[in-house]
């Protein structure tokens, strides 16, 4: 069947068109760069390296690329439930999430234009808060006491 090509789909996030510079290559660079830093970090390295065997890192990185692709590019590639593995980590607390966000922020600000870094950080901040609430709830803690981490405090 001949005719006009299908129009290119515009992805809208938070009411704004997604910057065209954000693509799979940028997501892969962010994910790999970020987890390179995580694995070396004094606080987070032992947590992640204790939960993910060396031979499982390629699979984990692929899943994280799928997650961010689905989150920002709306690809629908991610199939999974990210919360349960985090609930299983004893002692995971605000200091871990603050460090995670600090490293993530440094990575996206290094690798992405400012408008894309804002998109990544907005999602990361929401994810961190959601996970912190779920962890507190699962431990029987008062979730009212769990305040969002504000980027300016990182």
N, C-alpha and C. Protein backbone atom coordinates (compact mmCIF):
# COMPACT_ATOMS: atom_id res chain seq x y z
N UNK A 1 0.83 -1.17 0.00
CA UNK A 1 0.00 0.00 0.00
C UNK A 1 0.88 1.23 0.00
N UNK A 2 0.59 2.16 -0.92
CA UNK A 2 1.38 3.38 -1.02
C UNK A 2 0.66 4.52 -0.34
N UNK A 3 1.39 5.51 -0.08
CA UNK A 3 0.81 6.68 0.57
C UNK A 3 1.89 7.42 1.32
N UNK A 4 1.47 8.31 2.13
CA UNK A 4 2.42 9.09 2.92
C UNK A 4 2.98 8.24 4.05
N UNK A 5 4.24 8.48 4.40
CA UNK A 5 4.80 7.75 5.54
C UNK A 5 4.07 8.17 6.81
N UNK A 6 4.04 7.26 7.76
CA UNK A 6 3.41 7.57 9.04
C UNK A 6 4.13 8.73 9.70
N UNK A 7 3.39 9.66 10.28
CA UNK A 7 4.05 10.78 10.95
C UNK A 7 4.86 10.28 12.14
N UNK A 8 5.97 10.95 12.37
CA UNK A 8 6.80 10.57 13.50
C UNK A 8 6.08 10.94 14.79
N UNK A 9 6.08 10.05 15.73
CA UNK A 9 5.38 10.25 16.98
C UNK A 9 6.17 11.20 17.88
N UNK A 10 5.48 12.18 18.42
CA UNK A 10 6.09 13.10 19.37
C UNK A 10 5.78 12.60 20.77
N UNK A 11 6.82 12.38 21.55
CA UNK A 11 6.64 11.93 22.92
C UNK A 11 6.50 13.16 23.80
N UNK A 12 5.46 13.17 24.60
CA UNK A 12 5.20 14.29 25.50
C UNK A 12 5.38 13.81 26.94
N UNK A 13 6.21 14.51 27.68
CA UNK A 13 6.45 14.20 29.09
C UNK A 13 6.17 15.46 29.88
N UNK A 14 5.30 15.34 30.86
CA UNK A 14 4.91 16.47 31.70
C UNK A 14 4.41 17.64 30.86
N UNK A 15 3.69 17.33 29.80
CA UNK A 15 3.09 18.36 28.96
C UNK A 15 4.03 19.03 27.99
N UNK A 16 5.26 18.54 27.89
CA UNK A 16 6.25 19.14 26.99
C UNK A 16 6.80 18.07 26.06
N UNK A 17 7.05 18.43 24.80
CA UNK A 17 7.68 17.45 23.90
C UNK A 17 9.05 17.03 24.43
N UNK A 18 9.34 15.76 24.33
CA UNK A 18 10.62 15.22 24.78
C UNK A 18 11.73 15.78 23.89
N UNK A 19 12.82 16.25 24.47
CA UNK A 19 13.94 16.73 23.64
C UNK A 19 14.43 15.62 22.71
N UNK A 20 14.62 15.95 21.44
CA UNK A 20 15.00 14.93 20.46
C UNK A 20 16.39 14.35 20.71
N UNK A 21 17.21 15.08 21.44
CA UNK A 21 18.55 14.59 21.73
C UNK A 21 18.52 13.38 22.68
N UNK A 22 17.44 13.24 23.43
CA UNK A 22 17.33 12.10 24.33
C UNK A 22 16.97 10.86 23.52
N UNK A 23 17.90 9.92 23.49
CA UNK A 23 17.69 8.69 22.73
C UNK A 23 18.26 7.51 23.50
N UNK A 24 18.18 6.34 22.88
CA UNK A 24 18.67 5.12 23.53
C UNK A 24 20.16 5.21 23.86
N UNK A 25 20.93 5.84 23.01
CA UNK A 25 22.38 5.95 23.25
C UNK A 25 22.64 6.79 24.51
N UNK A 26 21.89 7.87 24.68
CA UNK A 26 22.08 8.71 25.86
C UNK A 26 21.65 7.96 27.12
N UNK A 27 20.55 7.24 27.02
CA UNK A 27 20.10 6.44 28.17
C UNK A 27 21.15 5.41 28.55
N UNK A 28 21.70 4.72 27.56
CA UNK A 28 22.74 3.72 27.84
C UNK A 28 23.97 4.37 28.47
N UNK A 29 24.36 5.55 27.99
CA UNK A 29 25.51 6.24 28.56
C UNK A 29 25.26 6.60 30.02
N UNK A 30 24.05 7.09 30.32
CA UNK A 30 23.70 7.44 31.69
C UNK A 30 23.70 6.21 32.58
N UNK A 31 23.03 5.17 32.15
CA UNK A 31 22.93 3.95 32.97
C UNK A 31 24.31 3.36 33.24
N UNK A 32 25.10 3.19 32.20
CA UNK A 32 26.42 2.58 32.38
C UNK A 32 27.35 3.48 33.19
N UNK A 33 27.33 4.78 32.91
CA UNK A 33 28.17 5.71 33.66
C UNK A 33 27.79 5.76 35.13
N UNK A 34 26.49 5.78 35.39
CA UNK A 34 26.00 5.84 36.76
C UNK A 34 26.39 4.58 37.53
N UNK A 35 26.14 3.41 36.96
CA UNK A 35 26.44 2.18 37.69
C UNK A 35 27.94 1.93 37.80
N UNK A 36 28.75 2.49 36.90
CA UNK A 36 30.20 2.44 37.09
C UNK A 36 30.57 3.16 38.38
N UNK A 37 29.94 4.30 38.63
CA UNK A 37 30.21 5.06 39.85
C UNK A 37 29.64 4.35 41.08
N UNK A 38 28.45 3.81 40.95
CA UNK A 38 27.82 3.08 42.07
C UNK A 38 28.73 1.95 42.55
N UNK A 39 29.24 1.19 41.60
CA UNK A 39 30.03 0.01 41.96
C UNK A 39 31.32 0.36 42.69
N UNK A 40 31.82 1.60 42.48
CA UNK A 40 33.05 2.05 43.14
C UNK A 40 32.79 2.80 44.44
N UNK A 41 31.54 3.17 44.67
CA UNK A 41 31.20 4.02 45.80
C UNK A 41 31.35 3.28 47.14
N UNK A 42 31.90 3.98 48.14
CA UNK A 42 32.13 3.36 49.45
C UNK A 42 30.83 2.94 50.14
N UNK A 43 29.77 3.72 49.99
CA UNK A 43 28.50 3.41 50.65
C UNK A 43 27.65 2.45 49.82
N UNK A 44 27.50 2.74 48.54
CA UNK A 44 26.57 1.98 47.70
C UNK A 44 27.21 0.76 47.02
N UNK A 45 28.49 0.81 46.79
CA UNK A 45 29.17 -0.31 46.14
C UNK A 45 28.93 -1.63 46.84
N UNK A 46 29.14 -1.69 48.16
CA UNK A 46 28.91 -2.96 48.86
C UNK A 46 27.45 -3.44 48.77
N UNK A 47 26.49 -2.51 48.76
CA UNK A 47 25.08 -2.89 48.68
C UNK A 47 24.79 -3.52 47.32
N UNK A 48 25.16 -2.81 46.26
CA UNK A 48 24.87 -3.30 44.91
C UNK A 48 25.70 -4.53 44.56
N UNK A 49 26.99 -4.49 44.90
CA UNK A 49 27.85 -5.63 44.58
C UNK A 49 27.49 -6.87 45.41
N UNK A 50 26.90 -6.63 46.59
CA UNK A 50 26.44 -7.76 47.39
C UNK A 50 25.15 -8.37 46.87
N UNK A 51 24.35 -7.56 46.17
CA UNK A 51 23.06 -8.03 45.66
C UNK A 51 23.14 -8.53 44.22
N UNK A 52 24.15 -8.07 43.48
CA UNK A 52 24.26 -8.43 42.06
C UNK A 52 25.61 -9.09 41.84
N UNK A 53 25.58 -10.34 41.44
CA UNK A 53 26.83 -11.09 41.20
C UNK A 53 27.54 -10.49 39.97
N UNK A 54 28.87 -10.57 39.94
CA UNK A 54 29.62 -9.99 38.82
C UNK A 54 29.09 -10.42 37.44
N UNK A 55 28.75 -11.69 37.30
CA UNK A 55 28.29 -12.18 35.99
C UNK A 55 26.87 -11.69 35.66
N UNK A 56 26.16 -11.14 36.66
CA UNK A 56 24.80 -10.66 36.44
C UNK A 56 24.71 -9.17 36.11
N UNK A 57 25.84 -8.46 36.18
CA UNK A 57 25.81 -7.03 35.90
C UNK A 57 25.36 -6.71 34.48
N UNK A 58 25.82 -7.40 33.46
CA UNK A 58 25.32 -7.06 32.11
C UNK A 58 23.80 -7.16 32.01
N UNK A 59 23.21 -8.18 32.61
CA UNK A 59 21.76 -8.33 32.59
C UNK A 59 21.10 -7.17 33.35
N UNK A 60 21.66 -6.83 34.52
CA UNK A 60 21.10 -5.73 35.31
C UNK A 60 21.17 -4.41 34.53
N UNK A 61 22.30 -4.15 33.91
CA UNK A 61 22.43 -2.91 33.14
C UNK A 61 21.45 -2.87 31.98
N UNK A 62 21.23 -4.00 31.34
CA UNK A 62 20.23 -4.07 30.26
C UNK A 62 18.83 -3.77 30.78
N UNK A 63 18.52 -4.32 31.95
CA UNK A 63 17.20 -4.06 32.56
C UNK A 63 17.06 -2.58 32.91
N UNK A 64 18.11 -1.98 33.40
CA UNK A 64 18.05 -0.57 33.76
C UNK A 64 17.92 0.31 32.51
N UNK A 65 18.59 -0.08 31.43
CA UNK A 65 18.40 0.65 30.16
C UNK A 65 16.95 0.52 29.70
N UNK A 66 16.39 -0.67 29.81
CA UNK A 66 14.97 -0.88 29.46
C UNK A 66 14.07 -0.04 30.35
N UNK A 67 14.37 0.02 31.65
CA UNK A 67 13.56 0.78 32.58
C UNK A 67 13.54 2.26 32.19
N UNK A 68 14.72 2.84 31.97
CA UNK A 68 14.78 4.26 31.65
C UNK A 68 14.23 4.54 30.25
N UNK A 69 14.38 3.61 29.34
CA UNK A 69 13.78 3.76 28.02
C UNK A 69 12.26 3.80 28.12
N UNK A 70 11.71 2.90 28.92
CA UNK A 70 10.26 2.88 29.11
C UNK A 70 9.79 4.12 29.85
N UNK A 71 10.57 4.55 30.83
CA UNK A 71 10.19 5.70 31.65
C UNK A 71 10.20 7.00 30.86
N UNK A 72 11.25 7.23 30.09
CA UNK A 72 11.39 8.51 29.40
C UNK A 72 10.99 8.48 27.93
N UNK A 73 11.28 7.39 27.24
CA UNK A 73 10.96 7.31 25.81
C UNK A 73 9.62 6.62 25.54
N UNK A 74 9.03 6.11 26.60
CA UNK A 74 7.72 5.44 26.50
C UNK A 74 7.75 4.24 25.57
N UNK A 75 8.85 3.48 25.62
CA UNK A 75 8.99 2.33 24.73
C UNK A 75 8.24 1.10 25.21
N UNK A 76 7.94 1.02 26.49
CA UNK A 76 7.26 -0.15 27.02
C UNK A 76 8.16 -1.38 27.12
N UNK A 77 9.46 -1.19 27.01
CA UNK A 77 10.38 -2.33 27.01
C UNK A 77 10.58 -2.96 28.38
N UNK A 78 10.40 -2.20 29.44
CA UNK A 78 10.70 -2.73 30.76
C UNK A 78 9.58 -3.63 31.24
N UNK A 79 9.97 -4.82 31.65
CA UNK A 79 9.04 -5.75 32.27
C UNK A 79 9.66 -6.18 33.58
N UNK A 80 9.08 -5.74 34.63
CA UNK A 80 9.65 -6.10 35.92
C UNK A 80 9.00 -5.31 37.02
N UNK A 81 9.45 -5.61 38.20
CA UNK A 81 8.97 -4.93 39.40
C UNK A 81 10.21 -4.50 40.18
N UNK A 82 10.58 -3.25 40.09
CA UNK A 82 11.84 -2.83 40.71
C UNK A 82 11.82 -2.76 42.23
N UNK A 83 10.64 -2.64 42.83
CA UNK A 83 10.59 -2.47 44.28
C UNK A 83 10.97 -3.71 45.09
N UNK A 84 10.45 -4.90 44.80
CA UNK A 84 10.74 -6.05 45.67
C UNK A 84 12.22 -6.30 45.97
N UNK A 85 13.13 -6.20 45.01
CA UNK A 85 14.54 -6.43 45.38
C UNK A 85 15.04 -5.40 46.40
N UNK A 86 14.54 -4.20 46.32
CA UNK A 86 14.96 -3.16 47.26
C UNK A 86 14.38 -3.40 48.65
N UNK A 87 13.18 -3.93 48.70
CA UNK A 87 12.57 -4.24 50.00
C UNK A 87 13.35 -5.32 50.73
N UNK A 88 14.04 -6.16 49.98
CA UNK A 88 14.78 -7.28 50.57
C UNK A 88 16.13 -6.86 51.13
N UNK A 89 16.54 -5.61 50.90
CA UNK A 89 17.85 -5.16 51.37
C UNK A 89 17.74 -4.61 52.80
N UNK A 90 18.34 -5.29 53.75
CA UNK A 90 18.25 -4.81 55.13
C UNK A 90 19.08 -3.53 55.30
N UNK A 91 18.55 -2.63 56.11
CA UNK A 91 19.32 -1.44 56.44
C UNK A 91 19.31 -0.34 55.39
N UNK A 92 18.60 -0.54 54.31
CA UNK A 92 18.55 0.49 53.27
C UNK A 92 17.82 1.71 53.83
N UNK A 93 18.50 2.86 53.82
CA UNK A 93 17.93 4.04 54.45
C UNK A 93 18.11 5.30 53.64
N UNK A 94 17.72 6.41 54.24
CA UNK A 94 17.77 7.70 53.55
C UNK A 94 19.18 8.02 53.05
N UNK A 95 20.20 7.69 53.84
CA UNK A 95 21.57 8.01 53.41
C UNK A 95 21.92 7.30 52.11
N UNK A 96 21.40 6.09 51.90
CA UNK A 96 21.65 5.36 50.65
C UNK A 96 20.96 6.05 49.48
N UNK A 97 19.72 6.47 49.70
CA UNK A 97 18.99 7.14 48.63
C UNK A 97 19.59 8.51 48.33
N UNK A 98 20.05 9.22 49.35
CA UNK A 98 20.71 10.50 49.11
C UNK A 98 21.97 10.31 48.26
N UNK A 99 22.74 9.30 48.60
CA UNK A 99 23.97 9.05 47.84
C UNK A 99 23.63 8.63 46.41
N UNK A 100 22.62 7.76 46.26
CA UNK A 100 22.17 7.31 44.94
C UNK A 100 21.78 8.52 44.10
N UNK A 101 20.99 9.42 44.68
CA UNK A 101 20.56 10.61 43.95
C UNK A 101 21.73 11.54 43.64
N UNK A 102 22.66 11.66 44.56
CA UNK A 102 23.83 12.52 44.33
C UNK A 102 24.66 12.01 43.16
N UNK A 103 24.91 10.70 43.14
CA UNK A 103 25.68 10.11 42.04
C UNK A 103 24.91 10.19 40.72
N UNK A 104 23.61 9.95 40.78
CA UNK A 104 22.78 10.02 39.58
C UNK A 104 22.78 11.45 39.03
N UNK A 105 22.63 12.40 39.93
CA UNK A 105 22.63 13.81 39.51
C UNK A 105 23.95 14.17 38.84
N UNK A 106 25.06 13.79 39.43
CA UNK A 106 26.37 14.08 38.83
C UNK A 106 26.48 13.46 37.44
N UNK A 107 25.99 12.25 37.30
CA UNK A 107 26.07 11.56 36.01
C UNK A 107 25.23 12.25 34.94
N UNK A 108 23.98 12.56 35.27
CA UNK A 108 23.12 13.17 34.24
C UNK A 108 23.57 14.58 33.90
N UNK A 109 24.11 15.31 34.89
CA UNK A 109 24.60 16.66 34.59
C UNK A 109 25.88 16.63 33.76
N UNK A 110 26.63 15.56 33.90
CA UNK A 110 27.85 15.41 33.09
C UNK A 110 27.54 14.99 31.66
N UNK A 111 26.55 14.11 31.48
CA UNK A 111 26.31 13.48 30.19
C UNK A 111 25.15 14.06 29.37
N UNK A 112 24.29 14.83 29.99
CA UNK A 112 23.06 15.27 29.32
C UNK A 112 22.97 16.78 29.26
N UNK A 113 22.28 17.29 28.23
CA UNK A 113 21.97 18.71 28.24
C UNK A 113 21.04 19.02 29.42
N UNK A 114 21.00 20.26 29.86
CA UNK A 114 20.23 20.60 31.06
C UNK A 114 18.77 20.16 31.03
N UNK A 115 18.08 20.30 29.91
CA UNK A 115 16.66 19.93 29.88
C UNK A 115 16.46 18.43 30.04
N UNK A 116 17.39 17.65 29.54
CA UNK A 116 17.31 16.19 29.69
C UNK A 116 17.70 15.78 31.11
N UNK A 117 18.71 16.44 31.66
CA UNK A 117 19.11 16.15 33.04
C UNK A 117 17.94 16.40 33.99
N UNK A 118 17.17 17.45 33.74
CA UNK A 118 16.00 17.75 34.57
C UNK A 118 14.98 16.61 34.49
N UNK A 119 14.74 16.07 33.30
CA UNK A 119 13.81 14.95 33.14
C UNK A 119 14.26 13.73 33.92
N UNK A 120 15.52 13.37 33.77
CA UNK A 120 16.07 12.23 34.51
C UNK A 120 15.93 12.45 36.01
N UNK A 121 16.32 13.64 36.48
CA UNK A 121 16.30 13.89 37.93
C UNK A 121 14.89 13.93 38.48
N UNK A 122 13.95 14.47 37.72
CA UNK A 122 12.57 14.47 38.18
C UNK A 122 12.09 13.05 38.44
N UNK A 123 12.35 12.17 37.50
CA UNK A 123 11.94 10.77 37.66
C UNK A 123 12.69 10.10 38.79
N UNK A 124 13.99 10.34 38.89
CA UNK A 124 14.80 9.73 39.95
C UNK A 124 14.32 10.17 41.33
N UNK A 125 13.98 11.44 41.47
CA UNK A 125 13.51 11.95 42.76
C UNK A 125 12.18 11.29 43.14
N UNK A 126 11.30 11.14 42.16
CA UNK A 126 10.01 10.48 42.42
C UNK A 126 10.20 9.01 42.80
N UNK A 127 11.07 8.34 42.08
CA UNK A 127 11.35 6.92 42.36
C UNK A 127 11.92 6.77 43.77
N UNK A 128 12.89 7.60 44.11
CA UNK A 128 13.50 7.51 45.44
C UNK A 128 12.46 7.70 46.53
N UNK A 129 11.60 8.68 46.38
CA UNK A 129 10.60 8.92 47.41
C UNK A 129 9.61 7.75 47.50
N UNK A 130 9.18 7.26 46.35
CA UNK A 130 8.25 6.13 46.33
C UNK A 130 8.86 4.91 47.01
N UNK A 131 10.12 4.62 46.70
CA UNK A 131 10.80 3.48 47.31
C UNK A 131 10.96 3.68 48.81
N UNK A 132 11.31 4.88 49.23
CA UNK A 132 11.49 5.14 50.65
C UNK A 132 10.18 4.95 51.40
N UNK A 133 9.08 5.41 50.82
CA UNK A 133 7.77 5.20 51.45
C UNK A 133 7.44 3.72 51.55
N UNK A 134 7.67 2.99 50.48
CA UNK A 134 7.35 1.56 50.46
C UNK A 134 8.21 0.79 51.46
N UNK A 135 9.48 1.15 51.57
CA UNK A 135 10.38 0.48 52.52
C UNK A 135 9.91 0.76 53.95
N UNK A 136 9.60 2.02 54.23
CA UNK A 136 9.12 2.36 55.57
C UNK A 136 7.83 1.61 55.89
N UNK A 137 6.92 1.56 54.96
CA UNK A 137 5.65 0.86 55.17
C UNK A 137 5.90 -0.63 55.43
N UNK A 138 6.79 -1.23 54.63
CA UNK A 138 7.05 -2.67 54.79
C UNK A 138 7.71 -2.98 56.13
N UNK A 139 8.39 -2.02 56.71
CA UNK A 139 9.04 -2.20 58.02
C UNK A 139 8.12 -1.81 59.17
N UNK A 140 6.91 -1.37 58.84
CA UNK A 140 5.98 -0.97 59.88
C UNK A 140 6.28 0.39 60.48
N UNK A 141 7.05 1.20 59.75
CA UNK A 141 7.41 2.53 60.24
C UNK A 141 6.32 3.53 59.86
N UNK A 142 6.31 4.66 60.51
CA UNK A 142 5.35 5.72 60.22
C UNK A 142 5.77 6.43 58.93
N UNK A 143 5.02 6.24 57.88
CA UNK A 143 5.38 6.82 56.58
C UNK A 143 5.19 8.33 56.55
N UNK A 144 4.43 8.87 57.49
CA UNK A 144 4.25 10.33 57.54
C UNK A 144 5.59 11.01 57.82
N UNK A 145 6.48 10.29 58.47
CA UNK A 145 7.79 10.86 58.79
C UNK A 145 8.76 10.84 57.61
N UNK A 146 8.40 10.17 56.52
CA UNK A 146 9.27 10.09 55.35
C UNK A 146 9.01 11.30 54.47
N UNK A 147 9.92 12.22 54.51
CA UNK A 147 9.81 13.44 53.71
C UNK A 147 10.59 13.28 52.42
N UNK A 148 10.10 13.88 51.34
CA UNK A 148 10.86 13.78 50.08
C UNK A 148 12.25 14.40 50.22
N UNK A 149 13.19 13.80 49.56
CA UNK A 149 14.52 14.39 49.47
C UNK A 149 14.44 15.48 48.40
N UNK A 150 14.91 16.66 48.74
CA UNK A 150 14.87 17.79 47.83
C UNK A 150 16.22 17.89 47.14
N UNK A 151 16.20 18.06 45.82
CA UNK A 151 17.45 18.05 45.05
C UNK A 151 18.45 19.09 45.56
N UNK A 152 17.97 20.21 45.99
CA UNK A 152 18.86 21.28 46.47
C UNK A 152 19.63 20.87 47.72
N UNK A 153 19.19 19.80 48.39
CA UNK A 153 19.88 19.36 49.61
C UNK A 153 20.91 18.27 49.33
N UNK A 154 21.07 17.90 48.07
CA UNK A 154 22.02 16.83 47.74
C UNK A 154 23.44 17.38 47.72
